[in-house]
Protein backbone atom coordinates (compact mmCIF):
# COMPACT_ATOMS: atom_id res chain seq x y z
CA MET A 1 8.67 3.37 -21.45
CA ARG A 2 11.83 5.48 -21.24
CA SER A 3 15.31 4.15 -20.51
CA ARG A 4 14.43 4.61 -16.85
CA PRO A 5 11.11 5.44 -15.14
CA ALA A 6 10.03 9.06 -14.84
CA ALA A 7 8.84 8.24 -11.33
CA VAL A 8 8.54 5.29 -8.99
CA LEU A 9 5.26 5.05 -7.10
CA PHE A 10 5.45 3.03 -3.89
CA ASP A 11 2.60 1.42 -2.01
CA MET A 12 3.19 1.45 1.75
CA ASP A 13 1.62 -1.39 3.79
CA GLY A 14 3.16 -4.71 2.83
CA THR A 15 5.36 -3.12 0.16
CA LEU A 16 7.69 -0.70 1.91
CA PHE A 17 6.87 -1.87 5.41
CA ASP A 18 5.95 -5.22 6.92
CA SER A 19 2.98 -3.46 8.44
CA GLU A 20 0.15 -5.79 7.46
CA LYS A 21 1.14 -7.76 10.57
CA LEU A 22 0.43 -4.67 12.63
CA TRP A 23 -2.97 -4.29 11.00
CA ASP A 24 -3.52 -7.97 11.87
CA VAL A 25 -2.88 -7.21 15.53
CA ALA A 26 -5.40 -4.37 15.58
CA ILE A 27 -8.06 -6.20 13.57
CA PHE A 28 -7.80 -9.38 15.62
CA GLU A 29 -7.83 -7.45 18.90
CA LEU A 30 -10.96 -5.55 17.87
CA ALA A 31 -12.69 -8.75 16.79
CA GLY A 32 -11.75 -10.18 20.19
CA THR A 33 -13.59 -7.35 21.92
CA TYR A 34 -16.60 -8.36 19.82
CA GLY A 35 -16.21 -11.97 20.98
CA ALA A 36 -15.31 -13.16 17.50
CA ASP A 37 -12.45 -14.52 15.38
CA VAL A 38 -11.63 -13.24 11.89
CA PRO A 39 -11.67 -15.95 9.20
CA ASP A 40 -8.46 -16.11 7.19
CA GLU A 41 -10.25 -15.53 3.90
CA ILE A 42 -11.88 -12.38 5.27
CA ARG A 43 -8.57 -10.95 6.47
CA SER A 44 -7.01 -11.69 3.07
CA ALA A 45 -9.89 -9.97 1.30
CA MET A 46 -9.32 -6.84 3.42
CA VAL A 47 -5.71 -6.37 2.29
CA GLY A 48 -5.29 -3.24 0.19
CA THR A 49 -8.92 -2.14 0.46
CA SER A 50 -10.30 1.12 1.80
CA MET A 51 -11.14 1.31 5.48
CA ALA A 52 -14.85 1.60 4.67
CA ASP A 53 -14.82 -1.56 2.55
CA SER A 54 -12.64 -3.35 5.09
CA MET A 55 -15.10 -2.69 7.89
CA VAL A 56 -17.97 -4.10 5.82
CA LEU A 57 -15.90 -7.21 5.12
CA LEU A 58 -14.89 -7.51 8.77
CA HIS A 59 -18.36 -7.14 10.25
CA GLU A 60 -19.97 -9.47 7.75
CA GLY A 61 -17.08 -11.93 8.09
CA ILE A 62 -17.53 -12.24 11.86
CA GLY A 63 -21.30 -12.48 11.50
CA GLN A 64 -22.00 -9.08 13.08
CA PRO A 65 -23.04 -6.81 10.19
CA TRP A 66 -24.85 -4.45 12.58
CA ARG A 67 -21.58 -3.16 14.04
CA ASP A 68 -20.84 0.56 13.58
CA PRO A 69 -18.16 0.85 10.87
CA GLY A 70 -17.13 4.29 12.08
CA HIS A 71 -16.43 3.05 15.60
CA SER A 72 -14.48 0.04 14.34
CA ALA A 73 -12.42 2.16 11.95
CA VAL A 74 -11.45 4.63 14.67
CA TRP A 75 -10.54 1.81 17.07
CA ILE A 76 -8.33 0.08 14.51
CA ASN A 77 -6.65 3.28 13.32
CA ASP A 78 -5.87 4.34 16.89
CA ARG A 79 -4.34 0.94 17.68
CA VAL A 80 -2.33 0.87 14.44
CA ALA A 81 -1.03 4.38 15.20
CA GLU A 82 0.38 3.04 18.47
CA LEU A 83 1.97 0.08 16.70
CA PHE A 84 3.45 2.23 13.91
CA VAL A 85 5.36 4.21 16.53
CA THR A 86 6.93 1.16 18.15
CA SER A 87 6.93 -1.74 15.69
CA LEU A 88 7.25 -0.59 12.06
CA VAL A 89 9.94 -2.45 10.08
CA TRP A 90 11.05 -2.37 6.44
CA ARG A 91 10.32 -5.19 4.03
CA PRO A 92 13.42 -6.85 2.54
CA GLY A 93 15.12 -4.69 -0.08
CA ALA A 94 12.64 -1.83 0.18
CA ARG A 95 14.88 0.67 1.95
CA GLU A 96 17.79 -0.06 -0.39
CA LEU A 97 15.72 0.34 -3.55
CA LEU A 98 14.14 3.55 -2.31
CA ALA A 99 17.59 4.96 -1.52
CA GLU A 100 18.94 4.06 -4.97
CA VAL A 101 15.95 5.63 -6.71
CA ARG A 102 16.35 8.85 -4.74
CA GLU A 103 20.10 9.00 -5.27
CA ALA A 104 19.46 8.76 -9.02
CA GLY A 105 17.25 11.85 -8.82
CA ILE A 106 14.08 10.03 -9.85
CA LEU A 107 10.75 11.35 -8.59
CA THR A 108 8.90 9.26 -6.02
CA ALA A 109 5.42 9.09 -4.56
CA LEU A 110 3.86 7.16 -1.72
CA VAL A 111 0.44 5.93 -2.87
CA THR A 112 -1.54 4.23 -0.14
CA ALA A 113 -5.08 3.45 1.00
CA THR A 114 -4.01 4.31 4.55
CA GLU A 115 -5.16 7.61 6.01
CA ARG A 116 -2.82 10.60 6.29
CA ARG A 117 -2.57 10.50 10.10
CA LEU A 118 -1.00 7.04 10.01
CA VAL A 119 1.10 7.80 6.94
CA GLU A 120 2.73 10.72 8.72
CA ILE A 121 3.79 8.36 11.52
CA ALA A 122 5.23 5.89 9.01
CA ILE A 123 7.04 8.69 7.16
CA ALA A 124 9.01 9.37 10.32
CA THR A 125 10.59 5.95 9.70
CA ALA A 126 10.72 6.11 5.90
CA GLY A 127 12.07 9.67 5.77
CA ARG A 128 9.87 12.49 4.48
CA HIS A 129 12.70 13.58 2.18
CA ASN A 130 12.36 10.29 0.29
CA PHE A 131 9.01 11.23 -1.25
CA ASP A 132 8.08 14.11 -3.50
CA VAL A 133 4.35 13.58 -2.94
CA LEU A 134 2.05 11.55 -0.70
CA VAL A 135 -1.34 10.30 -1.86
CA CYS A 136 -3.32 8.94 1.09
CA GLY A 137 -6.56 7.00 1.22
CA ASP A 138 -8.56 9.76 2.88
CA GLU A 139 -7.45 12.33 0.29
CA VAL A 140 -8.98 10.79 -2.82
CA THR A 141 -12.60 10.39 -3.88
CA ARG A 142 -12.11 6.75 -4.86
CA THR A 143 -9.27 4.68 -3.46
CA LYS A 144 -7.69 1.48 -4.81
CA PRO A 145 -8.64 -0.49 -6.91
CA ASP A 146 -9.84 2.66 -8.67
CA PRO A 147 -7.07 4.30 -10.77
CA GLU A 148 -7.56 7.69 -9.09
CA PRO A 149 -4.73 7.39 -6.50
CA TYR A 150 -2.09 6.60 -9.11
CA LEU A 151 -3.40 9.13 -11.60
CA ARG A 152 -3.32 11.75 -8.85
CA ALA A 153 0.27 10.87 -7.94
CA ALA A 154 1.42 11.21 -11.56
CA SER A 155 -0.45 14.50 -11.92
CA LEU A 156 1.11 15.93 -8.76
CA LEU A 157 4.56 14.87 -9.97
CA GLY A 158 3.94 16.30 -13.43
CA VAL A 159 4.76 13.06 -15.25
CA ASP A 160 2.96 10.70 -17.63
CA ILE A 161 1.60 7.73 -15.69
CA GLU A 162 2.68 5.44 -18.55
CA ASP A 163 6.29 6.40 -17.79
CA CYS A 164 5.96 5.34 -14.15
CA VAL A 165 6.59 2.11 -12.28
CA ALA A 166 4.28 1.27 -9.39
CA ILE A 167 5.39 -1.21 -6.73
CA GLU A 168 2.54 -3.09 -5.06
CA ASP A 169 1.80 -6.12 -2.89
CA SER A 170 -1.99 -6.51 -3.15
CA PRO A 171 -4.49 -7.35 -5.91
CA THR A 172 -6.38 -4.09 -5.32
CA GLY A 173 -3.17 -2.07 -5.58
CA VAL A 174 -2.06 -3.83 -8.74
CA ALA A 175 -5.51 -3.29 -10.26
CA SER A 176 -5.38 0.41 -9.41
CA ALA A 177 -1.95 0.93 -10.95
CA ILE A 178 -2.78 -1.05 -14.10
CA ALA A 179 -6.07 0.79 -14.59
CA ALA A 180 -4.17 4.08 -14.30
CA GLY A 181 -1.70 3.00 -16.98
CA ALA A 182 1.48 2.37 -14.97
CA ARG A 183 3.88 -0.56 -15.25
CA VAL A 184 3.78 -2.65 -12.08
CA LEU A 185 6.34 -4.56 -10.07
CA ALA A 186 4.26 -6.92 -7.93
CA ILE A 187 5.74 -8.25 -4.70
CA PRO A 188 3.18 -10.60 -3.10
CA HIS A 189 3.04 -10.61 0.66
CA HIS A 190 -0.19 -11.63 2.40
CA VAL A 191 -2.08 -12.70 -0.73
CA PRO A 192 -1.00 -14.29 -4.04
CA LEU A 193 -0.43 -12.18 -7.15
CA ALA A 194 0.04 -13.12 -10.79
CA ALA A 195 2.22 -11.76 -13.56
CA GLY A 196 0.45 -10.34 -16.58
CA ASP A 197 0.34 -7.57 -19.13
CA ARG A 198 2.39 -4.70 -17.62
CA VAL A 199 2.78 -6.69 -14.36
CA THR A 200 6.16 -8.20 -13.43
CA LEU A 201 6.16 -10.58 -10.48
CA ARG A 202 9.03 -10.95 -8.03
CA ASP A 203 9.18 -12.73 -4.67
CA THR A 204 10.86 -9.82 -2.89
CA LEU A 205 12.46 -6.42 -3.41
CA ALA A 206 15.74 -7.78 -2.07
CA GLY A 207 18.31 -7.40 -4.86
CA ILE A 208 15.98 -5.34 -7.07
CA THR A 209 17.76 -2.30 -8.51
CA LEU A 210 16.91 0.75 -10.56
CA ALA A 211 18.25 -1.09 -13.60
CA ASP A 212 15.61 -3.77 -13.02
CA LEU A 213 12.87 -1.16 -12.88
CA ALA A 214 14.08 0.31 -16.16
CA THR A 215 13.53 -3.05 -17.90
CA LEU A 216 9.85 -3.00 -17.07
């Protein structure tokens, strides 16, 4: 690792934005239209996964595996799009860290399992100028926990993934970044995370600085 990271690769939902709550709203509302409740363990298992995998988990979790995953995915994405416009808020410390990284001239990427349509709405809040590249869930062959999203981000930025720090809040995101070869700052949100080889655990991004990232 260099004296400071070549790039900082940010996850979006639950990392930059407290948006998992908005996904909760959409998922629970859809399940309500199906006359069902979503078990807590099923909702936790969905965090950070692809939409396709999430719909399988959802339908099986509510005991209705025959449901059309395409219909459910469109319904949820449309509802989340509405909520992103009106209710998207930053997670503690995220905006400040992103600003410091950009002011230092360090490359940044947004690496998310969320589809581009929703990312573009979120970027209106985050500031498009804050990211050199976007890697969205519907633009990769294999999304998290596969390493492809993070390897793609590093390739687009023209940097070595081993010189990058990824910031994540979910087990699937951490697994993706580690498999790619990045160092990871893990900020648990909806589900627990553990420190480990190349994984540093913090409760929040509040107070985290570029100097802290350099120590990783």
